Protein backbone atom coordinates (compact mmCIF):
# COMPACT_ATOMS: atom_id res chain seq x y z
CA MET A 1 -6.44 -0.36 -23.57
CA GLY A 2 -8.33 -3.12 -21.73
CA ILE A 3 -7.35 -4.86 -18.51
CA VAL A 4 -4.98 -7.81 -18.88
CA GLU A 5 -6.54 -10.13 -16.33
CA ASP A 6 -3.43 -12.23 -15.54
CA GLU A 7 -1.44 -9.07 -14.76
CA ALA A 8 -4.37 -7.58 -12.83
CA LYS A 9 -4.60 -10.75 -10.73
CA THR A 10 -0.92 -10.41 -9.77
CA VAL A 11 -1.36 -6.73 -8.87
CA ARG A 12 -4.41 -7.50 -6.68
CA TRP A 13 -2.46 -10.29 -4.96
CA ILE A 14 0.46 -7.90 -4.22
CA PHE A 15 -1.87 -5.35 -2.60
CA GLN A 16 -3.59 -8.07 -0.57
CA GLN A 17 -0.27 -9.51 0.63
CA TYR A 18 1.00 -6.10 1.70
CA LEU A 19 -2.19 -5.40 3.64
CA THR A 20 -1.80 -8.71 5.50
CA GLY A 21 1.62 -7.63 6.76
CA GLN A 22 4.02 -9.04 4.17
CA SER A 23 7.04 -6.85 3.36
CA ALA A 24 7.92 -5.77 -0.17
CA ASP A 25 11.04 -7.99 0.01
CA ARG A 26 9.01 -11.03 1.03
CA ILE A 27 6.37 -10.40 -1.67
CA ALA A 28 9.14 -10.18 -4.29
CA GLU A 29 10.62 -13.48 -3.07
CA LYS A 30 7.24 -15.24 -3.31
CA LEU A 31 6.64 -13.96 -6.84
CA ASN A 32 10.09 -15.13 -7.93
CA GLN A 33 9.52 -18.53 -6.36
CA GLU A 34 6.29 -18.86 -8.34
CA GLN A 35 8.21 -17.79 -11.48
CA ILE A 36 5.79 -14.97 -12.21
CA PRO A 37 7.51 -12.53 -14.61
CA ALA A 38 8.10 -8.98 -13.37
CA PRO A 39 6.92 -5.98 -15.45
CA GLY A 40 9.16 -5.79 -18.50
CA GLY A 41 10.45 -9.32 -17.79
CA GLY A 42 13.16 -10.41 -15.39
CA ILE A 43 13.04 -10.89 -11.63
CA TRP A 44 11.00 -9.14 -8.94
CA HIS A 45 12.74 -7.09 -6.28
CA HIS A 46 11.86 -4.64 -3.51
CA GLN A 47 11.65 -1.58 -5.76
CA THR A 48 9.36 -3.33 -8.27
CA VAL A 49 6.80 -4.11 -5.57
CA THR A 50 6.87 -0.65 -3.96
CA LYS A 51 6.49 0.99 -7.38
CA ILE A 52 3.33 -1.05 -7.99
CA ILE A 53 1.67 -0.44 -4.62
CA SER A 54 2.28 3.32 -4.88
CA ASN A 55 1.10 3.66 -8.51
CA GLU A 56 -2.18 5.57 -8.86
CA LYS A 57 -2.96 4.01 -12.25
CA TYR A 58 -4.27 0.86 -10.51
CA ILE A 59 -7.21 2.81 -9.03
CA GLY A 60 -8.07 4.28 -12.42
CA ASP A 61 -6.32 7.65 -11.96
CA SER A 62 -3.49 9.26 -13.96
CA LEU A 63 -0.71 11.59 -12.89
CA CYS A 64 0.62 13.26 -16.04
CA GLN A 65 4.10 14.65 -16.53
CA LYS A 66 5.97 12.46 -14.07
CA THR A 67 8.98 13.42 -16.18
CA TYR A 68 9.81 16.60 -18.08
CA THR A 69 12.17 17.72 -20.84
CA THR A 70 14.87 20.25 -19.98
CA SER A 71 14.64 23.56 -21.83
CA THR A 72 18.35 23.85 -22.64
CA PHE A 73 20.63 21.76 -24.83
CA PRO A 74 21.35 18.88 -24.47
CA TYR A 75 17.62 18.17 -23.99
CA GLU A 76 17.02 15.46 -21.41
CA ARG A 77 14.06 13.71 -19.78
CA ARG A 78 14.24 13.95 -16.01
CA PRO A 79 11.98 13.08 -13.05
CA ASN A 80 9.56 15.94 -12.42
CA LYS A 81 10.16 17.11 -8.86
CA GLY A 82 8.22 20.36 -9.13
CA ASN A 83 10.08 21.51 -12.24
CA ALA A 84 6.90 21.50 -14.37
CA ASP A 85 3.16 21.44 -13.75
CA GLN A 86 1.60 18.04 -13.16
CA TYR A 87 -2.01 17.10 -13.79
CA TYR A 88 -3.91 14.51 -11.76
CA THR A 89 -6.98 13.02 -13.42
CA GLU A 90 -9.37 10.73 -11.56
CA HIS A 91 -11.25 7.89 -13.30
CA SER A 92 -9.22 8.21 -16.52
CA HIS A 93 -9.36 4.44 -17.13
CA PRO A 94 -10.78 1.25 -15.54
CA ALA A 95 -9.54 0.48 -12.03
CA ILE A 96 -8.32 -2.91 -10.81
CA ILE A 97 -7.78 -1.93 -7.15
CA GLU A 98 -10.44 -0.48 -4.85
CA ARG A 99 -9.65 3.08 -3.81
CA ASP A 100 -10.13 2.24 -0.12
CA ALA A 101 -7.58 -0.60 -0.33
CA PHE A 102 -5.10 1.65 -2.16
CA GLU A 103 -5.39 4.36 0.53
CA LYS A 104 -4.92 1.77 3.28
CA VAL A 105 -1.72 0.58 1.60
CA GLN A 106 -0.39 4.15 1.34
CA ALA A 107 -1.12 4.71 5.03
CA LEU A 108 0.58 1.42 5.94
CA MET A 109 3.65 2.29 3.88
CA LYS A 110 3.91 5.62 5.70
CA LYS A 111 3.39 3.96 9.08
CA ARG A 112 6.09 1.39 8.43
CA GLY A 113 8.43 4.17 7.35
CA ASP A 114 7.66 6.17 10.49
CA ARG A 115 8.44 3.13 12.67
CA ALA A 116 11.92 2.73 11.18
CA SER A 117 13.66 4.98 13.72
CA ASN A 118 16.81 2.87 13.40
CA PRO A 119 16.79 1.55 9.84
CA PRO A 120 19.45 -0.97 8.84
CA ARG A 121 22.53 0.51 7.24
CA GLU A 122 22.31 0.78 3.45
CA TYR A 123 25.21 -0.22 1.21
CA PRO A 124 25.57 0.41 -2.54
CA LEU A 125 24.51 -3.20 -3.22
CA SER A 126 21.64 -3.29 -0.70
CA LYS A 127 18.42 -4.70 -2.23
CA LYS A 128 20.02 -4.77 -5.67
CA VAL A 129 21.62 -8.24 -5.74
CA ILE A 130 19.15 -11.02 -6.63
CA CYS A 131 19.67 -14.78 -6.76
CA GLY A 132 19.15 -16.07 -10.30
CA LYS A 133 18.25 -19.53 -9.01
CA CYS A 134 15.65 -18.94 -6.27
CA GLY A 135 14.88 -15.20 -6.55
CA SER A 136 15.96 -14.34 -3.01
CA ILE A 137 17.67 -11.05 -2.23
CA PHE A 138 21.33 -11.19 -1.19
CA THR A 139 22.37 -9.95 2.24
CA ARG A 140 25.75 -8.64 3.36
CA LYS A 141 28.02 -10.65 5.67
CA LEU A 142 31.45 -9.96 7.14
CA THR A 143 34.07 -12.66 7.66
CA LYS A 144 36.21 -12.73 10.81
CA SER A 145 38.94 -11.01 8.82
CA GLY A 146 36.56 -8.21 7.82
CA LEU A 147 36.01 -9.29 4.20
CA ALA A 148 32.57 -8.24 2.92
CA LEU A 149 30.56 -10.98 1.19
CA TRP A 150 27.05 -11.11 -0.26
CA VAL A 151 25.00 -14.26 0.15
CA CYS A 152 21.59 -15.51 -1.01
CA ARG A 153 19.23 -15.37 1.99
CA LYS A 154 17.77 -18.78 1.19
CA HIS A 155 21.26 -20.31 0.95
CA ASP A 156 22.25 -18.52 4.16
CA ARG A 157 19.31 -20.05 6.06
CA ARG A 158 19.89 -23.54 4.63
CA ALA A 159 22.73 -24.17 2.20
CA ALA A 160 20.99 -27.13 0.56
CA SER A 161 18.01 -24.93 -0.39
CA CYS A 162 19.94 -22.95 -3.02
CA PRO A 163 23.23 -23.72 -4.79
CA ILE A 164 24.33 -20.08 -5.09
CA GLY A 165 26.79 -19.34 -2.29
CA ARG A 166 28.76 -16.30 -1.21
CA ILE A 167 30.09 -13.63 -3.60
CA SER A 168 32.86 -11.18 -2.77
CA GLU A 169 31.73 -7.53 -2.58
CA ASN A 170 35.04 -6.39 -4.05
CA GLU A 171 34.58 -8.74 -7.03
CA ILE A 172 31.12 -7.30 -7.73
CA TYR A 173 32.59 -3.80 -7.57
CA ALA A 174 35.40 -4.82 -9.93
CA ALA A 175 32.87 -6.37 -12.33
CA PHE A 176 30.95 -3.08 -12.41
CA VAL A 177 34.15 -1.19 -13.26
CA ARG A 178 34.84 -3.60 -16.13
CA MET A 179 31.26 -3.36 -17.35
CA TYR A 180 31.29 0.45 -17.32
CA ASN A 181 34.60 0.66 -19.16
CA LYS A 182 33.30 -1.67 -21.89
CA LEU A 183 30.14 0.42 -22.25
CA LYS A 184 32.11 3.65 -22.39
CA LEU A 185 34.48 2.26 -25.00
CA HIS A 186 31.71 0.79 -27.16
CA GLU A 187 28.74 3.04 -26.36
CA GLY A 188 28.14 3.71 -30.05
CA ILE A 189 27.68 0.04 -30.88
CA ILE A 190 25.89 -1.07 -27.70
CA LEU A 191 23.53 1.67 -26.53
CA LYS A 192 22.61 3.32 -29.83
CA PRO A 193 21.30 0.10 -31.44
CA ALA A 194 19.17 -0.61 -28.35
CA LEU A 195 17.62 2.86 -28.55
CA ALA A 196 17.10 2.44 -32.28
CA GLN A 197 15.28 -0.87 -31.72
CA LEU A 198 12.94 0.74 -29.19
CA HIS A 199 12.33 3.64 -31.57
CA ASP A 200 11.48 1.22 -34.40
CA LEU A 201 9.14 -0.73 -32.11
CA ASN A 202 7.39 2.47 -31.06
CA ASN A 203 6.93 3.43 -34.72
CA ALA A 204 5.63 -0.03 -35.59
CA LEU A 205 2.99 0.17 -32.86
CA GLN A 206 1.76 3.48 -34.26
CA ARG A 207 1.97 2.69 -37.99
CA ASP A 208 -1.31 2.46 -39.92
CA ASN A 209 -3.28 3.63 -36.88
CA PRO A 210 -5.43 6.61 -37.96
CA ALA A 211 -6.37 7.53 -34.40
CA MET A 212 -2.70 7.54 -33.38
CA LEU A 213 -1.72 9.65 -36.38
CA GLU A 214 -4.43 12.19 -35.53
CA VAL A 215 -3.29 12.41 -31.90
CA ASN A 216 0.34 12.85 -32.98
CA ARG A 217 -0.65 15.65 -35.35
CA ALA A 218 -2.59 17.37 -32.56
CA ILE A 219 0.42 17.05 -30.21
CA ALA A 220 2.70 18.56 -32.87
CA THR A 221 0.28 21.46 -33.38
CA ALA A 222 -0.04 22.17 -29.65
CA SER A 223 3.74 21.97 -29.20
CA GLU A 224 4.20 24.48 -32.04
CA GLN A 225 1.65 26.80 -30.39
CA SER A 226 3.57 26.58 -27.11
CA TYR A 227 6.81 27.47 -28.91
CA LYS A 228 5.22 30.47 -30.64
CA VAL A 229 3.68 31.82 -27.41
CA SER A 230 7.02 31.47 -25.60
CA ALA A 231 8.77 33.27 -28.47
CA LEU A 232 6.26 36.16 -28.33
CA ARG A 233 6.77 36.44 -24.56
CA SER A 234 10.56 36.50 -24.90
CA ARG A 235 10.24 39.41 -27.34
CA GLY A 236 7.90 41.32 -25.01
CA LEU A 237 5.05 41.15 -27.55
CA LEU A 238 2.61 39.33 -25.27
CA ASP A 239 1.32 40.24 -21.83
CA GLU A 240 3.00 38.09 -19.16
CA ALA A 241 -0.27 37.10 -17.45
CA ALA A 242 -1.97 36.29 -20.75
CA CYS A 243 1.08 34.33 -21.86
CA SER A 244 1.17 32.23 -18.66
CA ALA A 245 -2.54 31.49 -18.93
CA LYS A 246 -2.19 30.43 -22.56
CA LEU A 247 0.81 28.20 -21.83
CA LEU A 248 -1.08 26.50 -18.98
CA GLU A 249 -3.99 25.92 -21.34
CA ILE A 250 -1.69 24.38 -23.95
CA GLU A 251 0.09 22.20 -21.37
CA ALA A 252 -3.26 20.89 -20.13
CA LYS A 253 -4.22 20.06 -23.71
CA LEU A 254 -0.89 18.36 -24.31
CA ALA A 255 -1.30 16.31 -21.12
CA GLU A 256 -4.71 15.10 -22.31
CA LEU A 257 -3.40 14.28 -25.80
CA ARG A 258 -0.43 12.35 -24.38
CA ARG A 259 -2.79 10.43 -22.09
CA GLU A 260 -4.88 9.52 -25.14
CA ARG A 261 -1.74 8.42 -26.99
CA ARG A 262 -0.81 6.12 -24.10
CA ARG A 263 -4.28 4.55 -24.28
CA LEU A 264 -3.79 3.86 -27.98
CA LEU A 265 -0.37 2.30 -27.55
CA LYS A 266 -0.30 -1.46 -27.10
CA ASN A 267 2.58 -0.98 -24.67
CA GLU A 268 1.95 2.18 -22.67
CA ASP A 269 5.35 1.99 -20.97
CA ILE A 270 7.51 1.97 -24.11
CA GLU A 271 8.07 5.74 -24.16
CA GLU A 272 9.02 5.70 -20.47
CA VAL A 273 11.52 2.90 -21.17
CA MET A 274 12.96 4.91 -24.07
CA ASP A 275 13.34 7.98 -21.86
CA THR A 276 15.05 5.93 -19.15
CA LEU A 277 17.44 4.31 -21.60
CA ARG A 278 18.28 7.73 -23.06
CA GLN A 279 19.13 8.95 -19.56
CA THR A 280 21.38 5.90 -19.06
CA ALA A 281 23.10 6.60 -22.39
CA ASP A 282 23.60 10.26 -21.41
CA ILE A 283 25.12 9.28 -18.04
CA ILE A 284 27.64 7.00 -19.76
CA HIS A 285 28.37 9.52 -22.52
CA ASN A 286 29.05 12.28 -19.96
CA GLY A 287 30.82 9.99 -17.47
CA PRO A 288 34.55 9.52 -16.95
CA GLU A 289 36.55 8.17 -19.90
CA ARG A 290 37.78 5.30 -17.75
CA LEU A 291 37.04 4.05 -14.25
CA GLU A 292 39.94 2.83 -12.17
CA SER A 293 37.89 2.04 -9.05
CA PHE A 294 34.27 1.61 -7.97
CA ASP A 295 32.18 4.80 -8.18
CA GLU A 296 29.16 4.59 -5.83
CA ALA A 297 27.24 7.51 -7.36
CA LEU A 298 27.73 6.24 -10.92
CA PHE A 299 26.64 2.76 -9.85
CA ALA A 300 23.45 4.12 -8.25
CA ASP A 301 22.60 6.10 -11.40
CA LEU A 302 23.17 3.21 -13.80
CA VAL A 303 22.36 -0.13 -12.16
CA GLU A 304 18.80 -1.17 -11.38
CA LYS A 305 19.71 -4.65 -10.14
CA ILE A 306 22.28 -7.45 -10.32
CA THR A 307 21.30 -11.07 -10.94
CA VAL A 308 23.72 -13.73 -9.71
CA ASP A 309 23.47 -16.58 -12.24
CA SER A 310 26.29 -18.66 -10.74
CA GLN A 311 29.31 -18.40 -8.49
CA THR A 312 31.29 -16.97 -11.39
CA ARG A 313 28.74 -15.05 -13.47
CA ILE A 314 26.52 -12.03 -12.72
CA ARG A 315 24.22 -9.85 -14.85
CA PHE A 316 23.90 -6.08 -14.48
CA ARG A 317 20.47 -4.73 -15.43
CA LEU A 318 20.75 -1.04 -16.26
CA TYR A 319 17.90 1.43 -15.95
CA GLY A 320 16.07 1.16 -19.26
CA GLY A 321 16.23 -2.64 -19.34
CA MET A 322 19.63 -3.42 -20.92
CA GLU A 323 21.40 -6.41 -19.33
CA LEU A 324 25.15 -7.08 -19.47
CA THR A 325 26.93 -10.19 -18.18
CA GLU A 326 30.28 -10.15 -16.38
CA GLN A 327 32.45 -13.00 -15.19
CA LEU A 328 33.77 -12.96 -11.63
CA TRP A 329 37.46 -13.64 -11.32
CA GLU A 330 37.36 -14.87 -7.76
CA VAL A 331 34.67 -16.37 -5.60
CA GLY A 332 34.22 -15.34 -1.96
CA ARG A 333 34.12 -18.19 0.50
């Protein structure tokens, strides 16, 4: 897949801005002000920028198996934190960022992290609430009575600069509870169709592509070999050392084949989006039947960001890209 120059230009600009001292929050604000779409659409935020400047693919390298599939039912895709072997390949595709600049950014990120001896306190909504009008991140404020409110930074600096004012923290929490309960009640008619649409899109991208069909057949063959070797080992019919060596060989082959499949896909991130949406669906399916109050852990697992469209309407963006709108019953002042 060739370089998309408009996207590459944005990535180069992000790296350059970070190297000149701009924070990830400030870079996200600038991109939103310029109305440059974020990856996958929507609005830029802190996590989007940090994900880009720490991604090795922009220097032409590939880290395979960032996620893995569990070996027991129900099978799930999870972040690979040492659970399975990973393979790092240099120069696997054209680079758009110089290696020296990338390494300087990594060092700067580490240095800034090391300096934060007294980091600001994090709240469940920190860096997740975005202004739908100007793209600024919301910050937390306390009234004299102790009521927690969230306000657009641009509005907070100068009210006339942005019409979106203060939003009650408790109302955002209550909106999340309502949103979760609706999803739980209707998961079969909300989440399953979204997954089915992604699956159909993935199939459409691969249809009538001989190279893709050949790669898929090779992946199926290698996966079957892996299953057979594991079965022989479990029955004690294959030497442990020989079995481990063979499985490593097959995994390396699978990693290469999957990398080739990503090159052939028009949208190399579609499978990652599908995996993320499946995880979101699993979290809801296995979650409580009904929420009565805000659950911080559940919120962190499900919600990528919240866009404030008006004083009375917000949008929850779940991991995997699904967006759901909720009305606010009260407005914080």
